[in-house]
């Protein structure tokens, strides 16, 4: 597995984990849920930017 593929895979798994923690914390831990959703959105943005950059490498 190349470093590019590992990086994208790691970002995808991190995004999924962040969304899962956000969903889990909605009822009991709203601040953690909010931070997880914000982190997930930032990971999504980062992943898109890295994917664009990897196309040129």
PDB file of N, CA and C in Angstrom:
ATOM      1  N   UNK A   1       0.857  -1.168   0.000  1.00  0.00           N
ATOM      2  CA  UNK A   1       0.000   0.000   0.000  1.00  0.00           C
ATOM      3  C   UNK A   1       0.909   1.239   0.000  1.00  0.00           C
ATOM      4  N   UNK A   2       0.628   2.136  -0.905  1.00  0.00           N
ATOM      5  CA  UNK A   2       1.437   3.351  -1.003  1.00  0.00           C
ATOM      6  C   UNK A   2       1.095   4.315   0.131  1.00  0.00           C
ATOM      7  N   UNK A   3       1.969   5.269   0.327  1.00  0.00           N
ATOM      8  CA  UNK A   3       1.757   6.260   1.386  1.00  0.00           C
ATOM      9  C   UNK A   3       0.535   7.128   1.058  1.00  0.00           C
ATOM     10  N   UNK A   4       0.295   7.384  -0.227  1.00  0.00           N
ATOM     11  CA  UNK A   4      -0.881   8.172  -0.617  1.00  0.00           C
ATOM     12  C   UNK A   4      -2.167   7.434  -0.277  1.00  0.00           C
ATOM     13  N   UNK A   5      -2.214   6.163  -0.609  1.00  0.00           N
ATOM     14  CA  UNK A   5      -3.408   5.372  -0.330  1.00  0.00           C
ATOM     15  C   UNK A   5      -3.637   5.245   1.173  1.00  0.00           C
ATOM     16  N   UNK A   6      -2.559   5.043   1.927  1.00  0.00           N
ATOM     17  CA  UNK A   6      -2.688   4.942   3.378  1.00  0.00           C
ATOM     18  C   UNK A   6      -3.198   6.255   3.960  1.00  0.00           C
ATOM     19  N   UNK A   7      -2.698   7.375   3.464  1.00  0.00           N
ATOM     20  CA  UNK A   7      -3.104   8.682   3.974  1.00  0.00           C
ATOM     21  C   UNK A   7      -4.598   8.917   3.738  1.00  0.00           C
ATOM     22  N   UNK A   8      -5.060   8.628   2.547  1.00  0.00           N
ATOM     23  CA  UNK A   8      -6.482   8.817   2.230  1.00  0.00           C
ATOM     24  C   UNK A   8      -7.340   7.852   3.045  1.00  0.00           C
ATOM     25  N   UNK A   9      -6.898   6.613   3.177  1.00  0.00           N
ATOM     26  CA  UNK A   9      -7.637   5.637   3.973  1.00  0.00           C
ATOM     27  C   UNK A   9      -7.714   6.065   5.441  1.00  0.00           C
ATOM     28  N   UNK A  10      -6.625   6.581   5.974  1.00  0.00           N
ATOM     29  CA  UNK A  10      -6.595   7.041   7.358  1.00  0.00           C
ATOM     30  C   UNK A  10      -7.544   8.222   7.555  1.00  0.00           C
ATOM     31  N   UNK A  11      -7.607   9.125   6.584  1.00  0.00           N
ATOM     32  CA  UNK A  11      -8.524  10.267   6.678  1.00  0.00           C
ATOM     33  C   UNK A  11      -9.966   9.782   6.642  1.00  0.00           C
ATOM     34  N   UNK A  12     -10.273   8.826   5.787  1.00  0.00           N
ATOM     35  CA  UNK A  12     -11.636   8.289   5.687  1.00  0.00           C
ATOM     36  C   UNK A  12     -12.044   7.614   6.996  1.00  0.00           C
ATOM     37  N   UNK A  13     -11.171   6.792   7.554  1.00  0.00           N
ATOM     38  CA  UNK A  13     -11.492   6.128   8.822  1.00  0.00           C
ATOM     39  C   UNK A  13     -11.629   7.141   9.957  1.00  0.00           C
ATOM     40  N   UNK A  14     -10.796   8.168   9.954  1.00  0.00           N
ATOM     41  CA  UNK A  14     -10.893   9.207  10.984  1.00  0.00           C
ATOM     42  C   UNK A  14     -12.212   9.966  10.867  1.00  0.00           C
ATOM     43  N   UNK A  15     -12.634  10.242   9.640  1.00  0.00           N
ATOM     44  CA  UNK A  15     -13.913  10.915   9.408  1.00  0.00           C
ATOM     45  C   UNK A  15     -15.069  10.060   9.917  1.00  0.00           C
ATOM     46  N   UNK A  16     -15.044   8.767   9.598  1.00  0.00           N
ATOM     47  CA  UNK A  16     -16.107   7.862  10.039  1.00  0.00           C
ATOM     48  C   UNK A  16     -16.137   7.785  11.568  1.00  0.00           C
ATOM     49  N   UNK A  17     -14.979   7.681  12.194  1.00  0.00           N
ATOM     50  CA  UNK A  17     -14.907   7.634  13.649  1.00  0.00           C
ATOM     51  C   UNK A  17     -15.424   8.927  14.266  1.00  0.00           C
ATOM     52  N   UNK A  18     -15.072  10.048  13.682  1.00  0.00           N
ATOM     53  CA  UNK A  18     -15.527  11.334  14.199  1.00  0.00           C
ATOM     54  C   UNK A  18     -17.050  11.458  14.107  1.00  0.00           C
ATOM     55  N   UNK A  19     -17.621  11.049  13.004  1.00  0.00           N
ATOM     56  CA  UNK A  19     -19.077  11.094  12.860  1.00  0.00           C
ATOM     57  C   UNK A  19     -19.748  10.128  13.834  1.00  0.00           C
ATOM     58  N   UNK A  20     -19.143   8.971  14.051  1.00  0.00           N
ATOM     59  CA  UNK A  20     -19.694   8.010  14.999  1.00  0.00           C
ATOM     60  C   UNK A  20     -19.687   8.533  16.426  1.00  0.00           C
ATOM     61  N   UNK A  21     -18.588   9.169  16.811  1.00  0.00           N
ATOM     62  CA  UNK A  21     -18.520   9.744  18.157  1.00  0.00           C
ATOM     63  C   UNK A  21     -19.517  10.895  18.286  1.00  0.00           C
ATOM     64  N   UNK A  22     -19.663  11.677  17.232  1.00  0.00           N
ATOM     65  CA  UNK A  22     -20.642  12.757  17.256  1.00  0.00           C
ATOM     66  C   UNK A  22     -22.058  12.236  17.420  1.00  0.00           C
ATOM     67  N   UNK A  23     -22.391  11.190  16.697  1.00  0.00           N
ATOM     68  CA  UNK A  23     -23.725  10.596  16.805  1.00  0.00           C
ATOM     69  C   UNK A  23     -23.943  10.007  18.194  1.00  0.00           C
ATOM     70  N   UNK A  24     -22.919   9.357  18.723  1.00  0.00           N
ATOM     71  CA  UNK A  24     -23.011   8.750  20.047  1.00  0.00           C
ATOM     72  C   UNK A  24     -23.226   9.799  21.141  1.00  0.00           C
ATOM     73  N   UNK A  25     -22.602  10.955  20.979  1.00  0.00           N
ATOM     74  CA  UNK A  25     -22.647  11.946  22.036  1.00  0.00           C
ATOM     75  C   UNK A  25     -23.771  12.955  21.949  1.00  0.00           C
ATOM     76  N   UNK A  26     -24.634  12.857  20.963  1.00  0.00           N
ATOM     77  CA  UNK A  26     -25.685  13.860  20.774  1.00  0.00           C
ATOM     78  C   UNK A  26     -26.553  14.021  22.026  1.00  0.00           C
ATOM     79  N   UNK A  27     -27.002  12.929  22.591  1.00  0.00           N
ATOM     80  CA  UNK A  27     -27.957  13.002  23.697  1.00  0.00           C
ATOM     81  C   UNK A  27     -27.292  13.370  25.027  1.00  0.00           C
ATOM     82  N   UNK A  28     -26.210  12.689  25.360  1.00  0.00           N
ATOM     83  CA  UNK A  28     -25.615  12.853  26.685  1.00  0.00           C
ATOM     84  C   UNK A  28     -24.468  13.859  26.734  1.00  0.00           C
ATOM     85  N   UNK A  29     -23.752  14.009  25.644  1.00  0.00           N
ATOM     86  CA  UNK A  29     -22.563  14.863  25.626  1.00  0.00           C
ATOM     87  C   UNK A  29     -22.608  15.801  24.418  1.00  0.00           C
ATOM     88  N   UNK A  30     -23.443  16.814  24.453  1.00  0.00           N
ATOM     89  CA  UNK A  30     -23.627  17.654  23.259  1.00  0.00           C
ATOM     90  C   UNK A  30     -22.378  18.431  22.844  1.00  0.00           C
ATOM     91  N   UNK A  31     -21.537  18.822  23.792  1.00  0.00           N
ATOM     92  CA  UNK A  31     -20.329  19.568  23.414  1.00  0.00           C
ATOM     93  C   UNK A  31     -19.348  18.651  22.684  1.00  0.00           C
ATOM     94  N   UNK A  32     -19.204  17.428  23.184  1.00  0.00           N
ATOM     95  CA  UNK A  32     -18.334  16.462  22.504  1.00  0.00           C
ATOM     96  C   UNK A  32     -18.880  16.148  21.122  1.00  0.00           C
ATOM     97  N   UNK A  33     -20.192  16.019  21.010  1.00  0.00           N
ATOM     98  CA  UNK A  33     -20.811  15.748  19.715  1.00  0.00           C
ATOM     99  C   UNK A  33     -20.544  16.891  18.747  1.00  0.00           C
ATOM    100  N   UNK A  34     -20.715  18.116  19.212  1.00  0.00           N
ATOM    101  CA  UNK A  34     -20.475  19.271  18.348  1.00  0.00           C
ATOM    102  C   UNK A  34     -19.020  19.319  17.888  1.00  0.00           C
ATOM    103  N   UNK A  35     -18.093  19.107  18.803  1.00  0.00           N
ATOM    104  CA  UNK A  35     -16.680  19.116  18.435  1.00  0.00           C
ATOM    105  C   UNK A  35     -16.346  17.994  17.459  1.00  0.00           C
ATOM    106  N   UNK A  36     -16.965  16.853  17.638  1.00  0.00           N
ATOM    107  CA  UNK A  36     -16.730  15.731  16.724  1.00  0.00           C
ATOM    108  C   UNK A  36     -17.267  16.028  15.335  1.00  0.00           C
ATOM    109  N   UNK A  37     -18.443  16.629  15.257  1.00  0.00           N
ATOM    110  CA  UNK A  37     -18.997  16.969  13.949  1.00  0.00           C
ATOM    111  C   UNK A  37     -18.154  18.041  13.257  1.00  0.00           C
ATOM    112  N   UNK A  38     -17.691  19.018  14.015  1.00  0.00           N
ATOM    113  CA  UNK A  38     -16.823  20.053  13.440  1.00  0.00           C
ATOM    114  C   UNK A  38     -15.516  19.423  12.952  1.00  0.00           C
ATOM    115  N   UNK A  39     -14.961  18.540  13.770  1.00  0.00           N
ATOM    116  CA  UNK A  39     -13.744  17.834  13.360  1.00  0.00           C
ATOM    117  C   UNK A  39     -13.964  16.986  12.123  1.00  0.00           C
ATOM    118  N   UNK A  40     -15.124  16.357  12.031  1.00  0.00           N
ATOM    119  CA  UNK A  40     -15.443  15.559  10.850  1.00  0.00           C
ATOM    120  C   UNK A  40     -15.543  16.402   9.598  1.00  0.00           C
ATOM    121  N   UNK A  41     -16.149  17.567   9.716  1.00  0.00           N
ATOM    122  CA  UNK A  41     -16.252  18.471   8.563  1.00  0.00           C
ATOM    123  C   UNK A  41     -14.866  18.944   8.146  1.00  0.00           C
ATOM    124  N   UNK A  42     -14.022  19.256   9.124  1.00  0.00           N
ATOM    125  CA  UNK A  42     -12.660  19.671   8.804  1.00  0.00           C
ATOM    126  C   UNK A  42     -11.859  18.534   8.167  1.00  0.00           C
ATOM    127  N   UNK A  43     -12.057  17.322   8.641  1.00  0.00           N
ATOM    128  CA  UNK A  43     -11.402  16.171   8.018  1.00  0.00           C
ATOM    129  C   UNK A  43     -11.872  15.966   6.588  1.00  0.00           C
ATOM    130  N   UNK A  44     -13.160  16.173   6.351  1.00  0.00           N
ATOM    131  CA  UNK A  44     -13.694  16.053   4.999  1.00  0.00           C
ATOM    132  C   UNK A  44     -13.060  17.089   4.073  1.00  0.00           C
ATOM    133  N   UNK A  45     -12.974  18.322   4.542  1.00  0.00           N
ATOM    134  CA  UNK A  45     -12.342  19.382   3.749  1.00  0.00           C
ATOM    135  C   UNK A  45     -10.870  19.047   3.490  1.00  0.00           C
ATOM    136  N   UNK A  46     -10.167  18.623   4.525  1.00  0.00           N
ATOM    137  CA  UNK A  46      -8.755  18.266   4.391  1.00  0.00           C
ATOM    138  C   UNK A  46      -8.589  17.109   3.405  1.00  0.00           C
ATOM    139  N   UNK A  47      -9.455  16.111   3.509  1.00  0.00           N
ATOM    140  CA  UNK A  47      -9.378  14.969   2.605  1.00  0.00           C
ATOM    141  C   UNK A  47      -9.585  15.355   1.154  1.00  0.00           C
ATOM    142  N   UNK A  48     -10.516  16.249   0.902  1.00  0.00           N
ATOM    143  CA  UNK A  48     -10.753  16.704  -0.466  1.00  0.00           C
ATOM    144  C   UNK A  48      -9.537  17.453  -1.002  1.00  0.00           C
ATOM    145  N   UNK A  49      -8.958  18.326  -0.171  1.00  0.00           N
ATOM    146  CA  UNK A  49      -7.782  19.079  -0.593  1.00  0.00           C
ATOM    147  C   UNK A  49      -6.588  18.150  -0.851  1.00  0.00           C
ATOM    148  N   UNK A  50      -6.383  17.186   0.002  1.00  0.00           N
ATOM    149  CA  UNK A  50      -5.277  16.234  -0.184  1.00  0.00           C
ATOM    150  C   UNK A  50      -5.513  15.377  -1.425  1.00  0.00           C
ATOM    151  N   UNK A  51      -6.751  14.967  -1.646  1.00  0.00           N
ATOM    152  CA  UNK A  51      -7.055  14.159  -2.832  1.00  0.00           C
ATOM    153  C   UNK A  51      -6.747  14.941  -4.106  1.00  0.00           C
ATOM    154  N   UNK A  52      -7.099  16.224  -4.127  1.00  0.00           N
ATOM    155  CA  UNK A  52      -6.780  17.073  -5.287  1.00  0.00           C
ATOM    156  C   UNK A  52      -5.269  17.176  -5.471  1.00  0.00           C
ATOM    157  N   UNK A  53      -4.552  17.340  -4.366  1.00  0.00           N
ATOM    158  CA  UNK A  53      -3.094  17.480  -4.448  1.00  0.00           C
ATOM    159  C   UNK A  53      -2.458  16.183  -4.909  1.00  0.00           C
ATOM    160  N   UNK A  54      -2.968  15.043  -4.444  1.00  0.00           N
ATOM    161  CA  UNK A  54      -2.404  13.748  -4.840  1.00  0.00           C
ATOM    162  C   UNK A  54      -2.611  13.449  -6.321  1.00  0.00           C
ATOM    163  N   UNK A  55      -3.619  14.053  -6.934  1.00  0.00           N
ATOM    164  CA  UNK A  55      -3.816  13.855  -8.371  1.00  0.00           C
ATOM    165  C   UNK A  55      -2.676  14.455  -9.178  1.00  0.00           C
ATOM    166  N   UNK A  56      -2.086  15.535  -8.633  1.00  0.00           N
ATOM    167  CA  UNK A  56      -0.990  16.192  -9.368  1.00  0.00           C
ATOM    168  C   UNK A  56       0.366  15.578  -9.069  1.00  0.00           C
ATOM    169  N   UNK A  57       0.465  14.783  -8.027  1.00  0.00           N
ATOM    170  CA  UNK A  57       1.765  14.172  -7.673  1.00  0.00           C
ATOM    171  C   UNK A  57       1.954  12.904  -8.456  1.00  0.00           C
TER     172      UNK A  57
END
